[in-house]
Amino acid sequence: MPVFKPRLLTAVAVKRTDSDTVKTTVELPGELWRAAKIRAMDERSDLRSVLIRALEEYLGHAAAQPAARTGSEDR
């Protein structure tokens, strides 16, 4: 019987230089998080990229254009 030997993938640290990047914490239903994580792995991507694409599609790519500030945003 063949023995399964998992491959270890080397991690590459990426420094983000986009000054418009915001780090946030979001609570998601477990099954939704799992499905998104699996999609990311299937695409050889990361969860961040999957979530960005999903939000851009949901918002109609409005995130690509800076929104006008109303003064009521959290700072």
PDB file of N, CA and C in Angstrom:
ATOM      1  N   MET A   1       0.850  -1.180   0.000  1.00  0.00           N
ATOM      2  CA  MET A   1       0.000   0.000   0.000  1.00  0.00           C
ATOM      3  C   MET A   1       0.896   1.243   0.000  1.00  0.00           C
ATOM      4  N   PRO A   2       0.695   2.176  -0.950  1.00  0.00           N
ATOM      5  CA  PRO A   2       1.526   3.378  -1.002  1.00  0.00           C
ATOM      6  C   PRO A   2       1.279   4.275   0.209  1.00  0.00           C
ATOM      7  N   VAL A   3       2.330   4.904   0.654  1.00  0.00           N
ATOM      8  CA  VAL A   3       2.235   5.815   1.794  1.00  0.00           C
ATOM      9  C   VAL A   3       2.087   7.239   1.272  1.00  0.00           C
ATOM     10  N   PHE A   4       1.102   7.950   1.804  1.00  0.00           N
ATOM     11  CA  PHE A   4       0.871   9.335   1.406  1.00  0.00           C
ATOM     12  C   PHE A   4       1.908  10.224   2.071  1.00  0.00           C
ATOM     13  N   LYS A   5       2.633  10.985   1.251  1.00  0.00           N
ATOM     14  CA  LYS A   5       3.619  11.916   1.774  1.00  0.00           C
ATOM     15  C   LYS A   5       3.219  13.324   1.351  1.00  0.00           C
ATOM     16  N   PRO A   6       2.696  14.128   2.283  1.00  0.00           N
ATOM     17  CA  PRO A   6       2.293  15.481   1.911  1.00  0.00           C
ATOM     18  C   PRO A   6       3.500  16.336   1.555  1.00  0.00           C
ATOM     19  N   ARG A   7       3.308  17.208   0.561  1.00  0.00           N
ATOM     20  CA  ARG A   7       4.365  18.142   0.188  1.00  0.00           C
ATOM     21  C   ARG A   7       4.223  19.397   1.012  1.00  0.00           C
ATOM     22  N   LEU A   8       5.322  19.934   1.434  1.00  0.00           N
ATOM     23  CA  LEU A   8       5.311  21.207   2.128  1.00  0.00           C
ATOM     24  C   LEU A   8       5.606  22.302   1.122  1.00  0.00           C
ATOM     25  N   LEU A   9       4.756  23.302   1.084  1.00  0.00           N
ATOM     26  CA  LEU A   9       4.964  24.424   0.192  1.00  0.00           C
ATOM     27  C   LEU A   9       5.678  25.525   0.961  1.00  0.00           C
ATOM     28  N   THR A  10       6.651  26.125   0.327  1.00  0.00           N
ATOM     29  CA  THR A  10       7.377  27.183   1.006  1.00  0.00           C
ATOM     30  C   THR A  10       6.531  28.451   1.023  1.00  0.00           C
ATOM     31  N   ALA A  11       6.521  29.105   2.144  1.00  0.00           N
ATOM     32  CA  ALA A  11       5.774  30.348   2.289  1.00  0.00           C
ATOM     33  C   ALA A  11       6.646  31.512   1.854  1.00  0.00           C
ATOM     34  N   VAL A  12       6.046  32.428   1.162  1.00  0.00           N
ATOM     35  CA  VAL A  12       6.766  33.609   0.713  1.00  0.00           C
ATOM     36  C   VAL A  12       6.129  34.818   1.377  1.00  0.00           C
ATOM     37  N   ALA A  13       6.925  35.554   2.117  1.00  0.00           N
ATOM     38  CA  ALA A  13       6.413  36.759   2.765  1.00  0.00           C
ATOM     39  C   ALA A  13       6.280  37.864   1.730  1.00  0.00           C
ATOM     40  N   VAL A  14       5.128  38.483   1.721  1.00  0.00           N
ATOM     41  CA  VAL A  14       4.876  39.569   0.784  1.00  0.00           C
ATOM     42  C   VAL A  14       4.588  40.825   1.593  1.00  0.00           C
ATOM     43  N   LYS A  15       5.366  41.852   1.337  1.00  0.00           N
ATOM     44  CA  LYS A  15       5.134  43.112   2.024  1.00  0.00           C
ATOM     45  C   LYS A  15       4.174  43.941   1.190  1.00  0.00           C
ATOM     46  N   ARG A  16       3.055  44.311   1.782  1.00  0.00           N
ATOM     47  CA  ARG A  16       2.080  45.127   1.077  1.00  0.00           C
ATOM     48  C   ARG A  16       2.486  46.582   1.176  1.00  0.00           C
ATOM     49  N   THR A  17       2.492  47.247   0.047  1.00  0.00           N
ATOM     50  CA  THR A  17       2.876  48.649   0.034  1.00  0.00           C
ATOM     51  C   THR A  17       1.703  49.552  -0.306  1.00  0.00           C
ATOM     52  N   ASP A  18       0.524  48.988  -0.498  1.00  0.00           N
ATOM     53  CA  ASP A  18      -0.657  49.770  -0.840  1.00  0.00           C
ATOM     54  C   ASP A  18      -1.125  50.518   0.402  1.00  0.00           C
ATOM     55  N   SER A  19      -1.014  51.834   0.381  1.00  0.00           N
ATOM     56  CA  SER A  19      -1.381  52.632   1.551  1.00  0.00           C
ATOM     57  C   SER A  19      -2.887  52.656   1.778  1.00  0.00           C
ATOM     58  N   ASP A  20      -3.688  52.233   0.796  1.00  0.00           N
ATOM     59  CA  ASP A  20      -5.137  52.211   0.944  1.00  0.00           C
ATOM     60  C   ASP A  20      -5.640  50.890   1.517  1.00  0.00           C
ATOM     61  N   THR A  21      -4.748  49.999   1.886  1.00  0.00           N
ATOM     62  CA  THR A  21      -5.129  48.712   2.446  1.00  0.00           C
ATOM     63  C   THR A  21      -5.555  48.882   3.896  1.00  0.00           C
ATOM     64  N   VAL A  22      -6.652  48.226   4.264  1.00  0.00           N
ATOM     65  CA  VAL A  22      -7.157  48.273   5.631  1.00  0.00           C
ATOM     66  C   VAL A  22      -7.278  46.849   6.142  1.00  0.00           C
ATOM     67  N   LYS A  23      -6.776  46.612   7.323  1.00  0.00           N
ATOM     68  CA  LYS A  23      -6.887  45.294   7.939  1.00  0.00           C
ATOM     69  C   LYS A  23      -8.115  45.296   8.835  1.00  0.00           C
ATOM     70  N   THR A  24      -8.938  44.256   8.719  1.00  0.00           N
ATOM     71  CA  THR A  24     -10.164  44.192   9.502  1.00  0.00           C
ATOM     72  C   THR A  24     -10.438  42.763   9.951  1.00  0.00           C
ATOM     73  N   THR A  25     -11.295  42.628  10.915  1.00  0.00           N
ATOM     74  CA  THR A  25     -11.716  41.316  11.400  1.00  0.00           C
ATOM     75  C   THR A  25     -13.207  41.182  11.133  1.00  0.00           C
ATOM     76  N   VAL A  26     -13.589  40.057  10.552  1.00  0.00           N
ATOM     77  CA  VAL A  26     -14.987  39.807  10.229  1.00  0.00           C
ATOM     78  C   VAL A  26     -15.339  38.412  10.721  1.00  0.00           C
ATOM     79  N   GLU A  27     -16.475  38.292  11.394  1.00  0.00           N
ATOM     80  CA  GLU A  27     -16.954  36.971  11.800  1.00  0.00           C
ATOM     81  C   GLU A  27     -17.824  36.418  10.692  1.00  0.00           C
ATOM     82  N   LEU A  28     -17.475  35.230  10.208  1.00  0.00           N
ATOM     83  CA  LEU A  28     -18.211  34.578   9.118  1.00  0.00           C
ATOM     84  C   LEU A  28     -18.788  33.258   9.610  1.00  0.00           C
ATOM     85  N   PRO A  29     -19.912  32.838   9.043  1.00  0.00           N
ATOM     86  CA  PRO A  29     -20.397  31.486   9.350  1.00  0.00           C
ATOM     87  C   PRO A  29     -19.326  30.474   8.938  1.00  0.00           C
ATOM     88  N   GLY A  30     -19.140  29.454   9.743  1.00  0.00           N
ATOM     89  CA  GLY A  30     -18.092  28.465   9.509  1.00  0.00           C
ATOM     90  C   GLY A  30     -18.122  27.842   8.130  1.00  0.00           C
ATOM     91  N   GLU A  31     -19.308  27.485   7.651  1.00  0.00           N
ATOM     92  CA  GLU A  31     -19.413  26.843   6.344  1.00  0.00           C
ATOM     93  C   GLU A  31     -19.054  27.798   5.212  1.00  0.00           C
ATOM     94  N   LEU A  32     -19.387  29.081   5.357  1.00  0.00           N
ATOM     95  CA  LEU A  32     -19.036  30.069   4.345  1.00  0.00           C
ATOM     96  C   LEU A  32     -17.524  30.267   4.304  1.00  0.00           C
ATOM     97  N   TRP A  33     -16.912  30.369   5.482  1.00  0.00           N
ATOM     98  CA  TRP A  33     -15.453  30.513   5.555  1.00  0.00           C
ATOM     99  C   TRP A  33     -14.777  29.299   4.924  1.00  0.00           C
ATOM    100  N   ARG A  34     -15.277  28.117   5.252  1.00  0.00           N
ATOM    101  CA  ARG A  34     -14.680  26.881   4.731  1.00  0.00           C
ATOM    102  C   ARG A  34     -14.789  26.819   3.204  1.00  0.00           C
ATOM    103  N   ALA A  35     -15.964  27.163   2.672  1.00  0.00           N
ATOM    104  CA  ALA A  35     -16.157  27.137   1.220  1.00  0.00           C
ATOM    105  C   ALA A  35     -15.223  28.134   0.531  1.00  0.00           C
ATOM    106  N   ALA A  36     -15.063  29.326   1.116  1.00  0.00           N
ATOM    107  CA  ALA A  36     -14.179  30.335   0.532  1.00  0.00           C
ATOM    108  C   ALA A  36     -12.725  29.877   0.614  1.00  0.00           C
ATOM    109  N   LYS A  37     -12.345  29.271   1.709  1.00  0.00           N
ATOM    110  CA  LYS A  37     -10.977  28.784   1.881  1.00  0.00           C
ATOM    111  C   LYS A  37     -10.679  27.666   0.880  1.00  0.00           C
ATOM    112  N   ILE A  38     -11.623  26.768   0.673  1.00  0.00           N
ATOM    113  CA  ILE A  38     -11.452  25.688  -0.295  1.00  0.00           C
ATOM    114  C   ILE A  38     -11.333  26.254  -1.703  1.00  0.00           C
ATOM    115  N   ARG A  39     -12.170  27.255  -2.025  1.00  0.00           N
ATOM    116  CA  ARG A  39     -12.095  27.892  -3.345  1.00  0.00           C
ATOM    117  C   ARG A  39     -10.710  28.497  -3.545  1.00  0.00           C
ATOM    118  N   ALA A  40     -10.200  29.172  -2.525  1.00  0.00           N
ATOM    119  CA  ALA A  40      -8.869  29.779  -2.620  1.00  0.00           C
ATOM    120  C   ALA A  40      -7.812  28.703  -2.871  1.00  0.00           C
ATOM    121  N   MET A  41      -7.889  27.610  -2.153  1.00  0.00           N
ATOM    122  CA  MET A  41      -6.910  26.536  -2.330  1.00  0.00           C
ATOM    123  C   MET A  41      -7.031  25.917  -3.720  1.00  0.00           C
ATOM    124  N   ASP A  42      -8.260  25.728  -4.198  1.00  0.00           N
ATOM    125  CA  ASP A  42      -8.472  25.173  -5.539  1.00  0.00           C
ATOM    126  C   ASP A  42      -7.874  26.071  -6.614  1.00  0.00           C
ATOM    127  N   GLU A  43      -7.923  27.387  -6.385  1.00  0.00           N
ATOM    128  CA  GLU A  43      -7.392  28.355  -7.344  1.00  0.00           C
ATOM    129  C   GLU A  43      -5.915  28.673  -7.098  1.00  0.00           C
ATOM    130  N   ARG A  44      -5.313  27.978  -6.146  1.00  0.00           N
ATOM    131  CA  ARG A  44      -3.923  28.248  -5.752  1.00  0.00           C
ATOM    132  C   ARG A  44      -3.738  29.734  -5.434  1.00  0.00           C
ATOM    133  N   SER A  45      -4.693  30.220  -4.658  1.00  0.00           N
ATOM    134  CA  SER A  45      -4.728  31.619  -4.285  1.00  0.00           C
ATOM    135  C   SER A  45      -4.818  31.697  -2.770  1.00  0.00           C
ATOM    136  N   ASP A  46      -5.147  32.863  -2.253  1.00  0.00           N
ATOM    137  CA  ASP A  46      -5.340  32.996  -0.813  1.00  0.00           C
ATOM    138  C   ASP A  46      -6.749  33.514  -0.539  1.00  0.00           C
ATOM    139  N   LEU A  47      -7.170  33.380   0.702  1.00  0.00           N
ATOM    140  CA  LEU A  47      -8.510  33.776   1.091  1.00  0.00           C
ATOM    141  C   LEU A  47      -8.727  35.266   0.851  1.00  0.00           C
ATOM    142  N   ARG A  48      -7.719  36.070   1.084  1.00  0.00           N
ATOM    143  CA  ARG A  48      -7.805  37.518   0.878  1.00  0.00           C
ATOM    144  C   ARG A  48      -8.217  37.839  -0.562  1.00  0.00           C
ATOM    145  N   SER A  49      -7.578  37.201  -1.524  1.00  0.00           N
ATOM    146  CA  SER A  49      -7.880  37.451  -2.934  1.00  0.00           C
ATOM    147  C   SER A  49      -9.303  37.032  -3.283  1.00  0.00           C
ATOM    148  N   VAL A  50      -9.738  35.907  -2.752  1.00  0.00           N
ATOM    149  CA  VAL A  50     -11.102  35.434  -3.016  1.00  0.00           C
ATOM    150  C   VAL A  50     -12.113  36.420  -2.439  1.00  0.00           C
ATOM    151  N   LEU A  51     -11.875  36.897  -1.236  1.00  0.00           N
ATOM    152  CA  LEU A  51     -12.802  37.836  -0.610  1.00  0.00           C
ATOM    153  C   LEU A  51     -12.827  39.176  -1.344  1.00  0.00           C
ATOM    154  N   ILE A  52     -11.672  39.647  -1.798  1.00  0.00           N
ATOM    155  CA  ILE A  52     -11.620  40.905  -2.550  1.00  0.00           C
ATOM    156  C   ILE A  52     -12.421  40.776  -3.834  1.00  0.00           C
ATOM    157  N   ARG A  53     -12.212  39.678  -4.575  1.00  0.00           N
ATOM    158  CA  ARG A  53     -12.961  39.480  -5.828  1.00  0.00           C
ATOM    159  C   ARG A  53     -14.461  39.395  -5.570  1.00  0.00           C
ATOM    160  N   ALA A  54     -14.851  38.689  -4.504  1.00  0.00           N
ATOM    161  CA  ALA A  54     -16.272  38.546  -4.185  1.00  0.00           C
ATOM    162  C   ALA A  54     -16.888  39.896  -3.829  1.00  0.00           C
ATOM    163  N   LEU A  55     -16.194  40.690  -3.052  1.00  0.00           N
ATOM    164  CA  LEU A  55     -16.715  42.010  -2.682  1.00  0.00           C
ATOM    165  C   LEU A  55     -16.776  42.944  -3.887  1.00  0.00           C
ATOM    166  N   GLU A  56     -15.765  42.887  -4.741  1.00  0.00           N
ATOM    167  CA  GLU A  56     -15.784  43.718  -5.948  1.00  0.00           C
ATOM    168  C   GLU A  56     -16.957  43.356  -6.848  1.00  0.00           C
ATOM    169  N   GLU A  57     -17.205  42.057  -6.986  1.00  0.00           N
ATOM    170  CA  GLU A  57     -18.335  41.625  -7.811  1.00  0.00           C
ATOM    171  C   GLU A  57     -19.653  42.063  -7.176  1.00  0.00           C
ATOM    172  N   TYR A  58     -19.776  41.886  -5.872  1.00  0.00           N
ATOM    173  CA  TYR A  58     -20.996  42.261  -5.158  1.00  0.00           C
ATOM    174  C   TYR A  58     -21.265  43.762  -5.265  1.00  0.00           C
ATOM    175  N   LEU A  59     -20.202  44.554  -5.169  1.00  0.00           N
ATOM    176  CA  LEU A  59     -20.334  46.010  -5.210  1.00  0.00           C
ATOM    177  C   LEU A  59     -20.286  46.566  -6.632  1.00  0.00           C
ATOM    178  N   GLY A  60     -20.190  45.712  -7.613  1.00  0.00           N
ATOM    179  CA  GLY A  60     -20.134  46.172  -8.996  1.00  0.00           C
ATOM    180  C   GLY A  60     -18.822  46.863  -9.302  1.00  0.00           C
ATOM    181  N   HIS A  61     -17.748  46.373  -8.725  1.00  0.00           N
ATOM    182  CA  HIS A  61     -16.402  46.927  -8.927  1.00  0.00           C
ATOM    183  C   HIS A  61     -16.302  48.378  -8.481  1.00  0.00           C
ATOM    184  N   ALA A  62     -17.212  48.820  -7.633  1.00  0.00           N
ATOM    185  CA  ALA A  62     -17.173  50.192  -7.118  1.00  0.00           C
ATOM    186  C   ALA A  62     -15.947  50.412  -6.237  1.00  0.00           C
ATOM    187  N   ALA A  63     -15.404  49.339  -5.695  1.00  0.00           N
ATOM    188  CA  ALA A  63     -14.245  49.473  -4.814  1.00  0.00           C
ATOM    189  C   ALA A  63     -13.022  49.958  -5.576  1.00  0.00           C
ATOM    190  N   ALA A  64     -13.008  49.757  -6.876  1.00  0.00           N
ATOM    191  CA  ALA A  64     -11.865  50.192  -7.677  1.00  0.00           C
ATOM    192  C   ALA A  64     -11.840  51.709  -7.826  1.00  0.00           C
ATOM    193  N   GLN A  65     -12.992  52.351  -7.595  1.00  0.00           N
ATOM    194  CA  GLN A  65     -13.078  53.804  -7.703  1.00  0.00           C
ATOM    195  C   GLN A  65     -13.213  54.378  -6.301  1.00  0.00           C
ATOM    196  N   PRO A  66     -12.401  55.385  -5.964  1.00  0.00           N
ATOM    197  CA  PRO A  66     -12.505  55.955  -4.618  1.00  0.00           C
ATOM    198  C   PRO A  66     -13.885  56.582  -4.400  1.00  0.00           C
ATOM    199  N   ALA A  67     -14.473  56.287  -3.258  1.00  0.00           N
ATOM    200  CA  ALA A  67     -15.784  56.826  -2.932  1.00  0.00           C
ATOM    201  C   ALA A  67     -15.626  58.258  -2.411  1.00  0.00           C
ATOM    202  N   ALA A  68     -16.615  59.065  -2.672  1.00  0.00           N
ATOM    203  CA  ALA A  68     -16.596  60.427  -2.155  1.00  0.00           C
ATOM    204  C   ALA A  68     -16.786  60.377  -0.641  1.00  0.00           C
ATOM    205  N   ARG A  69     -16.004  61.129   0.075  1.00  0.00           N
ATOM    206  CA  ARG A  69     -16.114  61.141   1.526  1.00  0.00           C
ATOM    207  C   ARG A  69     -17.272  62.027   1.949  1.00  0.00           C
ATOM    208  N   THR A  70     -18.070  61.514   2.880  1.00  0.00           N
ATOM    209  CA  THR A  70     -19.223  62.271   3.356  1.00  0.00           C
ATOM    210  C   THR A  70     -18.958  62.881   4.720  1.00  0.00           C
ATOM    211  N   GLY A  71     -17.857  62.476   5.325  1.00  0.00           N
ATOM    212  CA  GLY A  71     -17.551  62.981   6.657  1.00  0.00           C
ATOM    213  C   GLY A  71     -18.119  62.123   7.758  1.00  0.00           C
ATOM    214  N   SER A  72     -18.948  61.127   7.408  1.00  0.00           N
ATOM    215  CA  SER A  72     -19.561  60.279   8.420  1.00  0.00           C
ATOM    216  C   SER A  72     -18.862  58.934   8.569  1.00  0.00           C
ATOM    217  N   GLU A  73     -17.760  58.726   7.834  1.00  0.00           N
ATOM    218  CA  GLU A  73     -17.049  57.454   7.909  1.00  0.00           C
ATOM    219  C   GLU A  73     -16.339  57.315   9.237  1.00  0.00           C
ATOM    220  N   ASP A  74     -16.173  56.065   9.656  1.00  0.00           N
ATOM    221  CA  ASP A  74     -15.374  55.793  10.860  1.00  0.00           C
ATOM    222  C   ASP A  74     -13.933  56.117  10.577  1.00  0.00           C
ATOM    223  N   ARG A  75     -13.277  56.651  11.541  1.00  0.00           N
ATOM    224  CA  ARG A  75     -11.852  56.982  11.360  1.00  0.00           C
ATOM    225  C   ARG A  75     -11.019  56.270  12.365  1.00  0.00           C
TER     226      ARG A  75
END
